[in-house]
Amino acid sequence: MVWVAVGSAVIGLGLALAVLRLRADRLPAARLVLTTGVVGALFGAFVTRTALGDPGVATTLFGAGTVAVALLSLLLRPHRVRRSAPA
């Protein structure tokens, strides 16, 4: 159980770092993104294990990654289009 929690936290941290690298211009502070990734993955592992009983390590980690991605996607801001001033 402890290894699943550590593994899901590592997955959440990795996903958060990846999204920070790819979309840093559209995200809030890096500290919030990293925290959301880790907490989202831990919550996803908890929900997966609660809903499915003991589904196995791979399924639990997949659920953790899925919830982490869903929560990280909520942090994205819309892309702003810069318009030039009319002449």
Protein backbone atom coordinates (compact mmCIF):
# COMPACT_ATOMS: atom_id res chain seq x y z
CA MET A 1 0.00 0.00 0.00
CA VAL A 2 2.82 2.41 0.82
CA TRP A 3 4.54 1.67 -2.49
CA VAL A 4 1.36 2.41 -4.38
CA ALA A 5 1.07 5.77 -2.61
CA VAL A 6 4.69 6.61 -3.36
CA GLY A 7 4.30 5.48 -6.97
CA SER A 8 1.16 7.52 -7.49
CA ALA A 9 2.83 10.59 -5.97
CA VAL A 10 5.76 10.15 -8.35
CA ILE A 11 3.35 9.82 -11.28
CA GLY A 12 1.54 12.99 -10.23
CA LEU A 13 4.80 14.89 -9.85
CA GLY A 14 6.01 13.69 -13.24
CA LEU A 15 2.77 14.71 -14.94
CA ALA A 16 2.87 18.11 -13.27
CA LEU A 17 6.46 18.68 -14.37
CA ALA A 18 5.59 17.65 -17.91
CA VAL A 19 2.63 20.00 -18.13
CA LEU A 20 4.72 22.82 -16.64
CA ARG A 21 7.33 22.29 -19.33
CA LEU A 22 4.81 22.16 -22.16
CA ARG A 23 2.28 24.81 -21.11
CA ALA A 24 3.98 27.10 -18.58
CA ASP A 25 2.51 30.20 -20.23
CA ARG A 26 -1.06 29.02 -19.63
CA LEU A 27 -0.69 27.84 -16.02
CA PRO A 28 -0.71 29.55 -12.62
CA ALA A 29 2.26 29.39 -10.24
CA ALA A 30 4.47 26.32 -10.50
CA ARG A 31 3.99 25.54 -6.82
CA LEU A 32 0.23 25.19 -7.30
CA VAL A 33 0.67 22.98 -10.37
CA LEU A 34 3.10 20.63 -8.62
CA THR A 35 0.88 20.37 -5.56
CA THR A 36 -2.20 19.71 -7.67
CA GLY A 37 -0.42 16.95 -9.58
CA VAL A 38 0.71 15.10 -6.46
CA VAL A 39 -2.53 15.54 -4.52
CA GLY A 40 -4.60 14.61 -7.58
CA ALA A 41 -2.65 11.39 -8.07
CA LEU A 42 -2.95 10.43 -4.41
CA PHE A 43 -6.67 11.15 -4.50
CA GLY A 44 -7.01 9.15 -7.72
CA ALA A 45 -5.27 6.16 -6.14
CA PHE A 46 -7.57 6.42 -3.12
CA VAL A 47 -10.71 6.62 -5.26
CA THR A 48 -9.59 3.72 -7.48
CA ARG A 49 -8.84 1.46 -4.53
CA THR A 50 -12.07 2.45 -2.79
CA ALA A 51 -14.24 1.88 -5.85
CA LEU A 52 -12.63 -1.33 -7.09
CA GLY A 53 -11.41 -2.94 -3.88
CA ASP A 54 -7.90 -4.20 -4.53
CA PRO A 55 -7.60 -3.99 -8.32
CA GLY A 56 -3.83 -4.38 -8.46
CA VAL A 57 -0.95 -1.98 -8.72
CA ALA A 58 -1.22 -1.20 -12.43
CA THR A 59 -4.91 -0.36 -12.29
CA THR A 60 -4.45 1.80 -9.20
CA LEU A 61 -1.60 3.73 -10.80
CA PHE A 62 -3.63 4.19 -13.98
CA GLY A 63 -6.50 5.62 -11.93
CA ALA A 64 -4.08 7.89 -10.11
CA GLY A 65 -2.67 9.22 -13.37
CA THR A 66 -6.12 9.73 -14.85
CA VAL A 67 -7.36 11.84 -11.94
CA ALA A 68 -4.09 13.81 -11.84
CA VAL A 69 -4.41 14.66 -15.54
CA ALA A 70 -8.04 15.67 -15.06
CA LEU A 71 -7.20 18.01 -12.19
CA LEU A 72 -4.19 19.49 -13.98
CA SER A 73 -6.33 20.21 -17.02
CA LEU A 74 -8.60 22.33 -14.82
CA LEU A 75 -5.71 24.68 -14.12
CA LEU A 76 -5.16 25.60 -17.77
CA ARG A 77 -6.14 29.12 -18.71
CA PRO A 78 -7.60 29.90 -22.12
CA HIS A 79 -5.17 30.90 -24.82
CA ARG A 80 -5.21 34.65 -25.35
CA VAL A 81 -5.06 35.95 -28.87
CA ARG A 82 -3.24 39.25 -29.15
CA ARG A 83 -5.00 41.64 -31.41
CA SER A 84 -3.26 44.56 -32.94
CA ALA A 85 -4.79 47.97 -32.47
CA PRO A 86 -6.75 49.22 -35.47
CA ALA A 87 -4.93 51.83 -37.55
